[in-house]
N, C-alpha and C. Protein backbone atom coordinates (compact mmCIF):
# COMPACT_ATOMS: atom_id res chain seq x y z
N UNK A 1 -5.51 23.82 49.13
CA UNK A 1 -4.04 24.55 49.09
C UNK A 1 -4.90 25.43 48.28
N UNK A 2 -4.40 26.47 48.62
CA UNK A 2 -4.67 27.92 48.09
C UNK A 2 -4.39 28.08 46.83
N UNK A 3 -5.18 28.30 45.86
CA UNK A 3 -5.07 28.70 44.37
C UNK A 3 -4.81 30.19 44.27
N UNK A 4 -5.58 31.08 44.26
CA UNK A 4 -5.22 32.76 44.06
C UNK A 4 -4.23 33.07 44.85
N UNK A 5 -3.42 33.82 44.52
CA UNK A 5 -2.12 33.98 45.09
C UNK A 5 -0.97 33.57 44.68
N UNK A 6 -1.24 32.45 44.51
CA UNK A 6 -0.14 31.20 43.99
C UNK A 6 0.70 31.79 43.13
N UNK A 7 2.26 31.18 42.77
CA UNK A 7 2.75 31.20 41.96
C UNK A 7 2.12 30.03 41.08
N UNK A 8 2.17 30.03 39.60
CA UNK A 8 1.92 29.13 38.33
C UNK A 8 3.47 28.75 38.48
N UNK A 9 3.66 26.81 38.72
CA UNK A 9 4.45 26.44 38.42
C UNK A 9 5.35 26.39 36.94
N UNK A 10 4.46 26.70 36.40
CA UNK A 10 5.04 26.47 34.88
C UNK A 10 5.19 27.56 34.41
N UNK A 11 4.51 28.68 34.27
CA UNK A 11 4.69 30.17 33.98
C UNK A 11 5.19 31.53 34.64
N UNK A 12 5.18 30.85 36.10
CA UNK A 12 5.63 31.83 37.19
C UNK A 12 5.03 32.99 37.70
N UNK A 13 3.75 33.00 36.49
CA UNK A 13 3.04 34.36 36.49
C UNK A 13 2.04 34.28 37.57
N UNK A 14 1.49 35.06 38.56
CA UNK A 14 0.63 34.97 40.00
C UNK A 14 -0.90 34.32 39.42
N UNK A 15 -1.72 33.21 40.60
CA UNK A 15 -2.87 33.05 39.96
C UNK A 15 -4.21 33.91 40.75
N UNK A 16 -4.61 34.46 39.78
CA UNK A 16 -5.50 35.54 39.97
C UNK A 16 -7.36 35.15 40.01
N UNK A 17 -7.50 34.50 39.49
CA UNK A 17 -8.66 33.25 38.86
C UNK A 17 -8.69 31.67 39.35
N UNK A 18 -9.24 31.39 40.71
CA UNK A 18 -9.62 29.72 41.03
C UNK A 18 -9.54 29.00 39.79
N UNK A 19 -10.82 29.06 39.16
CA UNK A 19 -11.53 28.39 38.04
C UNK A 19 -10.57 28.11 37.11
N UNK A 20 -9.38 29.14 37.08
CA UNK A 20 -8.50 29.11 35.77
C UNK A 20 -7.00 27.98 36.38
N UNK A 21 -7.26 27.44 37.30
CA UNK A 21 -5.88 27.36 37.75
C UNK A 21 -6.56 25.74 38.33
N UNK A 22 -5.17 24.87 39.21
CA UNK A 22 -5.47 23.77 40.14
C UNK A 22 -3.90 23.65 40.88
N UNK A 23 -4.29 22.13 41.41
CA UNK A 23 -3.11 21.91 42.05
C UNK A 23 -3.22 20.89 42.26
N UNK A 24 -1.89 19.82 42.07
CA UNK A 24 -1.49 18.81 42.71
C UNK A 24 -0.98 18.60 43.85
N UNK A 25 -2.02 17.47 44.51
CA UNK A 25 -1.87 16.97 45.87
C UNK A 25 -1.04 16.25 46.30
N UNK A 26 0.01 15.74 45.80
CA UNK A 26 1.28 14.82 45.91
C UNK A 26 2.57 15.97 45.64
N UNK A 27 2.34 17.44 44.96
CA UNK A 27 3.14 17.73 44.88
C UNK A 27 3.29 19.49 45.91
N UNK A 28 2.16 19.24 46.01
CA UNK A 28 1.35 21.08 46.64
C UNK A 28 1.67 21.88 45.83
N UNK A 29 1.78 22.14 44.52
CA UNK A 29 1.91 22.89 43.43
C UNK A 29 0.57 23.39 42.90
N UNK A 30 0.51 24.39 42.40
CA UNK A 30 -0.41 25.19 41.88
C UNK A 30 -0.11 26.00 40.13
N UNK A 31 -0.65 25.70 39.24
CA UNK A 31 -0.59 26.28 37.85
C UNK A 31 -1.62 26.73 37.57
N UNK A 32 -1.12 27.14 36.77
CA UNK A 32 -2.95 27.77 35.45
C UNK A 32 -3.24 26.42 34.54
N UNK A 33 -3.98 26.16 33.94
CA UNK A 33 -4.85 25.33 33.79
C UNK A 33 -4.48 25.26 31.77
N UNK A 34 -4.01 26.73 31.51
CA UNK A 34 -3.75 26.54 30.07
C UNK A 34 -2.52 26.56 29.74
N UNK A 35 -1.47 26.28 31.20
CA UNK A 35 -0.28 26.09 31.08
C UNK A 35 0.45 24.43 31.14
N UNK A 36 -0.80 23.99 31.09
CA UNK A 36 -0.51 22.74 31.48
C UNK A 36 0.15 21.65 29.93
N UNK A 37 0.91 21.23 29.81
CA UNK A 37 0.82 20.04 28.13
C UNK A 37 -0.10 19.53 27.96
N UNK A 38 -0.03 18.36 29.53
CA UNK A 38 -0.87 17.17 28.86
C UNK A 38 -2.51 17.50 30.33
N UNK A 39 -3.68 17.03 29.67
CA UNK A 39 -4.87 18.10 30.56
C UNK A 39 -4.60 16.68 32.04
N UNK A 40 -4.96 17.18 32.93
CA UNK A 40 -4.94 16.99 34.28
C UNK A 40 -3.83 15.90 34.88
N UNK A 41 -2.34 16.67 33.96
CA UNK A 41 -1.29 15.62 34.88
C UNK A 41 -0.41 17.24 34.87
N UNK A 42 0.60 16.85 36.17
CA UNK A 42 0.87 17.50 37.02
C UNK A 42 2.21 17.67 35.86
N UNK A 43 2.86 19.14 35.89
CA UNK A 43 3.76 19.27 35.00
C UNK A 43 5.41 18.75 35.73
N UNK A 44 5.42 18.61 37.42
CA UNK A 44 6.14 18.54 37.94
C UNK A 44 6.51 16.82 38.15
N UNK A 45 5.57 16.06 38.75
CA UNK A 45 5.76 14.80 38.65
C UNK A 45 5.04 13.85 37.86
N UNK A 46 3.68 14.35 37.05
CA UNK A 46 3.26 13.25 36.15
C UNK A 46 2.34 12.59 36.86
N UNK A 47 1.77 12.79 37.98
CA UNK A 47 0.29 12.06 38.22
C UNK A 47 -0.85 13.21 37.76
N UNK A 48 -1.90 12.39 37.81
CA UNK A 48 -3.43 12.79 37.36
C UNK A 48 -3.49 13.66 38.51
N UNK A 49 -3.51 14.68 38.24
CA UNK A 49 -4.02 15.67 40.02
C UNK A 49 -5.56 15.36 40.16
N UNK A 50 -6.35 14.85 39.31
CA UNK A 50 -7.82 15.09 38.49
C UNK A 50 -7.91 13.88 39.72
N UNK A 51 -7.75 12.54 39.65
CA UNK A 51 -7.57 11.25 39.99
C UNK A 51 -7.35 11.13 41.43
N UNK A 52 -6.42 11.89 41.95
CA UNK A 52 -5.67 12.12 43.04
C UNK A 52 -7.00 13.03 44.41
N UNK A 53 -6.89 13.62 43.52
CA UNK A 53 -7.75 14.52 44.27
C UNK A 53 -9.12 13.99 44.92
N UNK A 54 -9.62 13.08 43.42
CA UNK A 54 -11.51 12.36 43.77
C UNK A 54 -10.73 11.19 44.96
N UNK A 55 -9.97 10.60 44.58
CA UNK A 55 -9.36 9.82 45.59
C UNK A 55 -9.58 10.55 47.02
N UNK A 56 -8.33 11.36 47.16
CA UNK A 56 -8.57 12.03 49.01
C UNK A 56 -10.03 12.66 48.86
N UNK A 57 -10.65 12.85 48.64
CA UNK A 57 -12.16 13.51 49.08
C UNK A 57 -12.77 12.10 49.46
N UNK A 58 -12.50 11.00 48.10
CA UNK A 58 -12.88 9.91 48.70
C UNK A 58 -12.62 9.09 50.25
N UNK A 59 -11.37 9.15 50.62
CA UNK A 59 -11.07 8.67 51.44
C UNK A 59 -11.54 9.98 53.06
N UNK A 60 -11.41 10.53 52.72
CA UNK A 60 -11.78 12.12 53.53
C UNK A 60 -13.75 11.96 53.84
N UNK A 61 -14.32 11.60 52.43
CA UNK A 61 -15.95 10.94 53.06
C UNK A 61 -15.73 9.78 54.03
N UNK A 62 -15.18 8.87 53.55
CA UNK A 62 -14.68 7.34 54.17
C UNK A 62 -14.64 6.98 55.58
N UNK A 63 -13.82 8.03 55.78
CA UNK A 63 -13.42 8.37 56.75
C UNK A 63 -14.04 9.30 58.29
N UNK A 64 -14.91 9.98 57.38
CA UNK A 64 -15.89 10.73 57.97
C UNK A 64 -17.19 9.70 58.48
N UNK A 65 -17.25 8.99 57.50
CA UNK A 65 -18.29 7.94 57.97
C UNK A 65 -17.97 7.03 59.09
N UNK A 66 -17.09 6.26 58.98
CA UNK A 66 -16.55 5.86 60.15
C UNK A 66 -16.32 6.31 61.40
N UNK A 67 -16.01 7.31 61.07
CA UNK A 67 -16.18 8.64 62.52
C UNK A 67 -17.41 8.40 63.32
N UNK A 68 -18.57 8.50 62.34
CA UNK A 68 -19.84 8.70 62.72
C UNK A 68 -19.98 7.71 63.21
N UNK A 69 -19.70 6.60 62.31
CA UNK A 69 -20.47 5.27 62.91
C UNK A 69 -19.74 4.99 64.20
N UNK A 70 -18.76 5.06 64.64
CA UNK A 70 -18.16 4.98 66.15
C UNK A 70 -18.77 5.42 66.60
N UNK A 71 -19.41 6.92 66.55
CA UNK A 71 -20.03 7.88 67.43
C UNK A 71 -21.42 7.46 67.66
N UNK A 72 -22.33 6.66 66.96
CA UNK A 72 -23.43 5.80 67.11
C UNK A 72 -23.27 5.20 67.79
N UNK A 73 -21.74 4.45 67.95
CA UNK A 73 -21.91 2.91 68.70
C UNK A 73 -22.07 3.98 70.26
N UNK A 74 -20.92 4.51 70.38
CA UNK A 74 -20.22 4.96 71.87
C UNK A 74 -21.17 5.84 72.18
N UNK A 75 -22.36 6.49 71.32
CA UNK A 75 -23.63 7.09 71.94
C UNK A 75 -24.63 6.36 72.38
N UNK A 76 -24.59 5.40 71.51
CA UNK A 76 -25.91 3.94 71.65
C UNK A 76 -25.44 3.62 73.52
N UNK A 77 -24.13 3.30 73.26
CA UNK A 77 -23.57 2.56 74.58
C UNK A 77 -24.10 3.25 75.74
N UNK A 78 -23.31 4.55 75.73
CA UNK A 78 -23.63 5.41 76.76
C UNK A 78 -25.79 5.50 77.13
N UNK A 79 -26.20 5.87 76.20
CA UNK A 79 -27.89 5.53 76.76
C UNK A 79 -28.27 4.61 77.01
N UNK A 80 -27.19 2.97 76.34
CA UNK A 80 -28.12 2.10 77.26
C UNK A 80 -27.80 1.51 78.83
N UNK A 81 -25.83 2.24 78.74
CA UNK A 81 -25.47 2.21 80.09
C UNK A 81 -26.17 3.11 81.24
N UNK A 82 -26.68 4.45 80.75
CA UNK A 82 -27.82 5.36 81.78
C UNK A 82 -28.83 4.57 82.28
N UNK A 83 -29.58 3.86 80.77
CA UNK A 83 -30.99 3.47 80.92
C UNK A 83 -30.86 2.46 81.97
N UNK A 84 -29.90 1.55 82.15
CA UNK A 84 -29.57 0.03 82.62
C UNK A 84 -29.44 0.94 84.70
N UNK A 85 -28.77 1.68 84.62
CA UNK A 85 -27.94 2.78 85.69
C UNK A 85 -29.87 2.91 86.53
N UNK A 86 -29.76 3.55 85.34
CA UNK A 86 -31.56 4.41 85.67
C UNK A 86 -32.35 2.90 85.97
N UNK A 87 -32.85 2.24 85.44
CA UNK A 87 -33.24 0.94 85.80
C UNK A 87 -33.48 0.19 86.81
N UNK A 88 -31.88 0.00 86.95
CA UNK A 88 -31.42 -0.56 88.26
C UNK A 88 -32.09 0.07 90.00
N UNK A 89 -31.73 1.09 89.89
CA UNK A 89 -31.96 2.01 90.61
C UNK A 89 -33.46 2.31 91.35
N UNK A 90 -34.32 2.84 90.28
CA UNK A 90 -35.33 2.85 90.37
C UNK A 90 -36.10 0.86 90.67
N UNK A 91 -35.58 0.20 90.40
CA UNK A 91 -35.74 -1.31 90.30
C UNK A 91 -35.48 -1.23 91.78
N UNK A 92 -34.41 -1.33 92.31
CA UNK A 92 -34.02 -1.21 94.14
C UNK A 92 -34.56 -0.68 94.63
N UNK A 93 -35.64 -0.19 94.40
CA UNK A 93 -36.18 1.13 95.21
C UNK A 93 -37.37 0.26 95.28
N UNK A 94 -37.96 -0.23 93.89
CA UNK A 94 -39.14 -0.57 93.93
C UNK A 94 -39.15 -1.81 94.39
N UNK A 95 -38.02 -2.63 94.94
CA UNK A 95 -38.01 -4.07 95.58
C UNK A 95 -37.42 -3.39 97.02
N UNK A 96 -37.31 -2.60 97.10
CA UNK A 96 -36.99 -2.73 98.62
C UNK A 96 -37.73 -1.77 99.37
N UNK A 97 -38.67 -1.15 98.77
CA UNK A 97 -40.36 -0.96 98.98
C UNK A 97 -39.53 1.19 99.76
N UNK A 98 -38.92 1.31 98.85
CA UNK A 98 -38.59 2.90 99.21
C UNK A 98 -38.68 3.37 97.91
N UNK A 99 -39.33 3.10 97.01
CA UNK A 99 -39.61 3.83 96.15
C UNK A 99 -40.82 4.93 96.25
N UNK A 100 -40.48 6.05 95.79
CA UNK A 100 -41.47 7.35 96.15
C UNK A 100 -41.91 7.20 94.72
N UNK A 101 -43.05 9.09 94.58
CA UNK A 101 -43.34 9.47 92.82
C UNK A 101 -41.68 10.13 92.98
N UNK A 102 -41.46 10.64 93.42
CA UNK A 102 -39.96 11.41 93.16
C UNK A 102 -38.86 10.28 92.35
N UNK A 103 -38.98 9.35 92.81
CA UNK A 103 -37.71 8.57 91.86
C UNK A 103 -38.78 7.84 90.78
N UNK A 104 -40.01 7.85 90.49
CA UNK A 104 -40.91 7.14 89.17
C UNK A 104 -40.28 8.80 88.39
N UNK A 105 -40.15 9.92 88.86
CA UNK A 105 -40.39 11.42 88.67
C UNK A 105 -38.91 11.47 87.47
N UNK A 106 -37.52 10.96 88.42
CA UNK A 106 -36.69 11.06 88.04
C UNK A 106 -36.27 9.67 86.88
N UNK A 107 -37.04 9.02 86.87
CA UNK A 107 -36.43 7.80 86.01
C UNK A 107 -37.21 8.01 84.74
N UNK A 108 -38.32 8.97 84.35
CA UNK A 108 -39.08 9.32 83.49
C UNK A 108 -38.27 10.72 82.70
N UNK A 109 -37.65 11.70 83.57
CA UNK A 109 -37.00 12.79 83.46
C UNK A 109 -35.65 11.90 82.68
N UNK A 110 -34.89 11.43 82.88
CA UNK A 110 -33.47 10.54 82.99
C UNK A 110 -34.16 9.27 81.46
N UNK A 111 -35.04 8.95 81.62
CA UNK A 111 -35.72 8.57 79.73
C UNK A 111 -35.56 9.55 79.08
N UNK A 112 -36.52 10.87 79.16
CA UNK A 112 -36.57 11.85 78.13
C UNK A 112 -34.78 12.71 78.12
N UNK A 113 -34.02 12.79 78.69
CA UNK A 113 -32.80 13.20 78.84
C UNK A 113 -31.68 12.35 77.62
N UNK A 114 -32.22 10.69 78.20
CA UNK A 114 -31.63 9.55 77.02
C UNK A 114 -31.98 9.74 75.75
N UNK A 115 -33.25 10.05 75.17
CA UNK A 115 -33.99 9.98 74.23
C UNK A 115 -33.25 11.50 73.58
N UNK A 116 -33.00 12.38 73.94
CA UNK A 116 -32.70 14.13 73.73
C UNK A 116 -31.38 13.58 72.96
N UNK A 117 -30.61 13.34 73.77
CA UNK A 117 -29.21 12.57 73.68
C UNK A 117 -29.16 12.08 72.38
N UNK A 118 -29.74 11.08 72.22
CA UNK A 118 -29.44 10.29 70.93
C UNK A 118 -29.81 10.91 69.86
N UNK A 119 -31.25 11.66 70.31
CA UNK A 119 -31.88 12.63 68.97
C UNK A 119 -30.94 13.73 68.72
N UNK A 120 -29.76 14.18 69.19
CA UNK A 120 -28.33 15.04 68.32
C UNK A 120 -28.46 16.16 70.12
N UNK A 121 -29.29 16.52 70.78
CA UNK A 121 -29.80 17.55 71.53
C UNK A 121 -28.47 18.35 72.34
N UNK A 122 -27.98 19.06 72.02
CA UNK A 122 -26.75 19.59 73.09
C UNK A 122 -26.65 19.52 74.17
N UNK A 123 -27.73 20.21 74.89
CA UNK A 123 -28.14 20.45 76.29
C UNK A 123 -28.32 19.14 76.66
N UNK A 124 -28.89 18.28 76.37
CA UNK A 124 -28.99 16.79 76.59
C UNK A 124 -27.58 16.14 76.90
N UNK A 125 -27.02 16.31 76.02
CA UNK A 125 -25.48 16.25 76.16
C UNK A 125 -24.77 16.25 77.17
N UNK A 126 -25.01 17.89 77.32
CA UNK A 126 -24.12 18.89 78.22
C UNK A 126 -24.99 18.18 80.15
N UNK A 127 -25.99 18.16 80.46
CA UNK A 127 -26.69 17.70 81.01
C UNK A 127 -26.29 16.30 81.61
N UNK A 128 -26.21 15.68 80.62
CA UNK A 128 -25.81 13.82 81.11
C UNK A 128 -24.73 13.76 81.50
N UNK A 129 -23.81 14.62 80.83
CA UNK A 129 -22.03 14.31 81.18
C UNK A 129 -22.17 15.00 82.37
N UNK A 130 -22.32 16.31 82.76
CA UNK A 130 -22.30 16.90 84.06
C UNK A 130 -22.95 15.81 85.17
N UNK A 131 -24.05 15.46 84.78
CA UNK A 131 -24.59 14.87 86.11
C UNK A 131 -24.37 13.03 86.12
N UNK A 132 -23.62 13.00 85.01
CA UNK A 132 -22.64 11.60 84.81
C UNK A 132 -21.09 12.14 85.76
N UNK A 133 -21.01 12.88 85.75
CA UNK A 133 -19.61 13.23 86.46
C UNK A 133 -19.95 13.40 87.95
N UNK A 134 -21.05 13.84 88.14
CA UNK A 134 -22.02 14.02 89.90
C UNK A 134 -21.56 12.70 90.00
N UNK A 135 -22.40 11.95 89.48
CA UNK A 135 -22.74 10.46 89.54
C UNK A 135 -21.60 9.37 90.23
N UNK A 136 -20.65 10.28 89.25
CA UNK A 136 -19.35 8.94 89.74
C UNK A 136 -18.62 9.57 90.95
N UNK A 137 -18.58 11.00 91.26
CA UNK A 137 -18.31 11.50 92.67
C UNK A 137 -18.94 10.94 93.81
N UNK A 138 -20.57 10.80 93.39
CA UNK A 138 -21.10 10.40 94.55
C UNK A 138 -20.93 9.10 94.65
N UNK A 139 -21.06 8.15 93.21
CA UNK A 139 -21.25 6.42 93.52
C UNK A 139 -19.89 6.57 94.52
N UNK A 140 -18.60 6.73 93.77
CA UNK A 140 -17.28 6.76 94.84
C UNK A 140 -17.37 6.60 96.42
N UNK A 141 -17.68 8.02 96.61
CA UNK A 141 -17.66 8.16 97.90
C UNK A 141 -18.86 7.15 98.79
N UNK A 142 -19.63 6.70 98.00
CA UNK A 142 -20.81 5.74 98.49
C UNK A 142 -19.93 4.20 98.79
N UNK A 143 -19.45 3.80 97.35
CA UNK A 143 -18.24 2.58 97.42
C UNK A 143 -17.31 2.60 98.63
N UNK A 144 -16.96 4.00 98.76
CA UNK A 144 -15.51 4.04 100.19
C UNK A 144 -16.14 3.77 101.39
N UNK A 145 -17.37 4.03 101.53
CA UNK A 145 -17.70 4.17 102.60
C UNK A 145 -18.69 2.51 102.82
N UNK A 146 -19.31 1.72 101.89
CA UNK A 146 -19.60 0.82 101.69
C UNK A 146 -18.10 -0.26 102.16
N UNK A 147 -17.05 0.27 101.27
CA UNK A 147 -15.79 -1.35 101.16
C UNK A 147 -15.47 -0.73 102.98
N UNK A 148 -15.78 0.46 103.79
CA UNK A 148 -14.73 0.32 104.87
C UNK A 148 -15.73 -0.28 106.08
N UNK A 149 -17.38 -0.10 105.64
CA UNK A 149 -17.66 -0.66 106.35
C UNK A 149 -17.95 -2.53 106.35
N UNK A 150 -17.36 -2.86 105.61
CA UNK A 150 -17.45 -4.52 105.13
C UNK A 150 -18.60 -4.65 104.18
N UNK A 151 -19.45 -3.82 103.79
CA UNK A 151 -20.66 -3.95 102.62
C UNK A 151 -20.09 -4.39 101.49
N UNK A 152 -19.32 -5.30 101.18
CA UNK A 152 -19.07 -5.82 99.72
C UNK A 152 -19.49 -5.61 98.94
N UNK A 153 -20.88 -5.88 98.66
CA UNK A 153 -21.86 -6.24 97.78
C UNK A 153 -22.67 -4.69 97.20
N UNK A 154 -22.57 -3.92 98.09
CA UNK A 154 -22.68 -2.63 97.93
C UNK A 154 -21.61 -2.05 97.32
N UNK A 155 -20.38 -2.17 98.06
CA UNK A 155 -19.23 -1.34 97.16
C UNK A 155 -18.79 -2.08 96.04
N UNK A 156 -18.98 -2.99 95.81
CA UNK A 156 -19.03 -3.54 94.22
C UNK A 156 -19.98 -3.23 93.01
N UNK A 157 -21.20 -2.89 93.28
CA UNK A 157 -22.75 -2.03 92.70
C UNK A 157 -21.83 -0.65 92.66
N UNK A 158 -21.94 -0.35 93.87
CA UNK A 158 -21.27 1.34 93.49
C UNK A 158 -19.95 1.25 92.60
N UNK A 159 -18.92 0.62 92.49
CA UNK A 159 -17.92 0.61 91.71
C UNK A 159 -17.91 0.53 90.63
N UNK A 160 -18.87 -0.38 90.32
CA UNK A 160 -19.77 -0.59 88.75
C UNK A 160 -20.15 0.86 87.99
N UNK A 161 -21.09 1.62 89.07
CA UNK A 161 -21.73 2.45 88.92
C UNK A 161 -20.44 4.10 88.17
N UNK A 162 -19.41 3.89 89.60
CA UNK A 162 -18.43 5.00 89.17
C UNK A 162 -18.31 4.78 87.85
N UNK A 163 -17.79 3.44 87.33
CA UNK A 163 -17.31 3.38 85.86
C UNK A 163 -17.95 3.32 85.15
N UNK A 164 -19.62 2.94 84.96
CA UNK A 164 -19.96 3.56 83.82
C UNK A 164 -20.03 5.38 83.98
N UNK A 165 -20.88 5.87 84.77
CA UNK A 165 -21.28 7.10 84.93
C UNK A 165 -19.46 7.46 84.14
N UNK A 166 -18.27 7.28 85.18
CA UNK A 166 -16.94 7.87 84.64
C UNK A 166 -16.51 8.23 83.21
N UNK A 167 -16.63 7.03 82.65
CA UNK A 167 -17.12 6.55 80.81
C UNK A 167 -17.71 7.47 80.29
N UNK A 168 -18.86 7.24 80.84
CA UNK A 168 -20.02 8.01 80.36
C UNK A 168 -20.28 9.77 79.64
N UNK A 169 -19.56 10.04 81.35
CA UNK A 169 -18.89 11.53 81.39
C UNK A 169 -17.53 11.54 80.36
N UNK A 170 -16.63 11.35 80.15
CA UNK A 170 -15.82 10.90 79.23
C UNK A 170 -16.23 11.25 77.55
N UNK A 171 -16.94 10.20 77.01
CA UNK A 171 -17.54 10.09 76.25
C UNK A 171 -18.19 11.33 75.93
N UNK A 172 -19.55 11.52 76.26
CA UNK A 172 -20.09 12.39 76.36
C UNK A 172 -19.45 14.12 76.48
N UNK A 173 -17.98 14.21 77.07
CA UNK A 173 -17.75 15.84 77.03
C UNK A 173 -16.43 15.58 75.89
N UNK A 174 -15.75 14.57 76.11
CA UNK A 174 -14.38 14.64 75.20
C UNK A 174 -14.25 14.09 74.14
N UNK A 175 -15.60 13.13 73.36
CA UNK A 175 -14.91 12.54 71.98
C UNK A 175 -15.40 12.89 71.30
N UNK A 176 -14.58 13.80 70.15
CA UNK A 176 -15.55 14.29 68.97
C UNK A 176 -15.73 13.31 67.92
N UNK A 177 -15.90 12.33 68.16
CA UNK A 177 -16.36 11.13 67.36
C UNK A 177 -18.23 11.32 67.76
N UNK A 178 -18.33 11.11 68.95
CA UNK A 178 -19.80 11.20 69.74
C UNK A 178 -20.18 12.61 69.12
N UNK A 179 -19.16 13.74 69.23
CA UNK A 179 -20.06 14.95 68.67
C UNK A 179 -20.19 14.80 67.73
N UNK A 180 -19.81 14.41 66.89
CA UNK A 180 -19.99 14.43 65.42
C UNK A 180 -21.02 13.60 64.53
N UNK A 181 -21.45 12.31 65.45
CA UNK A 181 -22.58 11.54 65.48
C UNK A 181 -23.93 12.52 65.80
N UNK A 182 -24.05 13.54 66.99
CA UNK A 182 -24.82 13.99 67.27
C UNK A 182 -25.51 15.22 66.27
N UNK A 183 -24.12 15.31 66.10
CA UNK A 183 -24.29 16.64 65.12
C UNK A 183 -24.87 16.04 63.89
N UNK A 184 -24.28 15.00 63.17
CA UNK A 184 -25.30 14.15 62.49
C UNK A 184 -26.42 14.13 62.77
N UNK A 185 -27.06 13.65 63.80
CA UNK A 185 -28.30 13.19 64.00
C UNK A 185 -29.10 14.65 64.14
N UNK A 186 -28.52 15.50 64.26
CA UNK A 186 -29.57 17.16 64.53
C UNK A 186 -29.51 17.73 62.88
N UNK A 187 -28.63 17.53 61.91
CA UNK A 187 -28.82 17.61 60.66
C UNK A 187 -28.98 16.47 59.76
N UNK A 188 -29.72 15.62 60.28
CA UNK A 188 -30.80 14.55 59.48
C UNK A 188 -29.47 13.87 58.93
N UNK A 189 -28.43 13.98 58.56
CA UNK A 189 -27.55 13.74 57.65
C UNK A 189 -27.20 11.58 57.89
């Protein structure tokens, strides 16, 4: 609550200096500390405004910690899903005998991007989100083609890639909790 510029609920004079005033979070009123009949007691509702302020600050801190923890889990899930996707694609290329040095370089670049994402680099978040969105579109078109030609095994695999890429895209770009976790990674908190 803004204290300076508010009127004191007891003497009705303006508050000009914040350290000489307080507010009650329950009543949302401001008052001069010198106008109180009892220290830390709201003149309107009688509650201890110091304890209420501390309790709300603790609740806010706890909520922030929970949001960061959820963001950590979601970011880790995205990292693991993207790693598993890249590993399965390079594995399929190696088993099928179609692997080229380009596949290996792509896999290594993906590992660097995934690690950079987990350590909170914003550019990696944007890059992986956009490539996941593009991957979802490509995998969807390939799954559609595979299902139309009767290759249901490939269609199922590609459909699972669509889901992984689409969820990764959504979490990376639109989740405020993931963004909060990544910011905490950058700040070292």
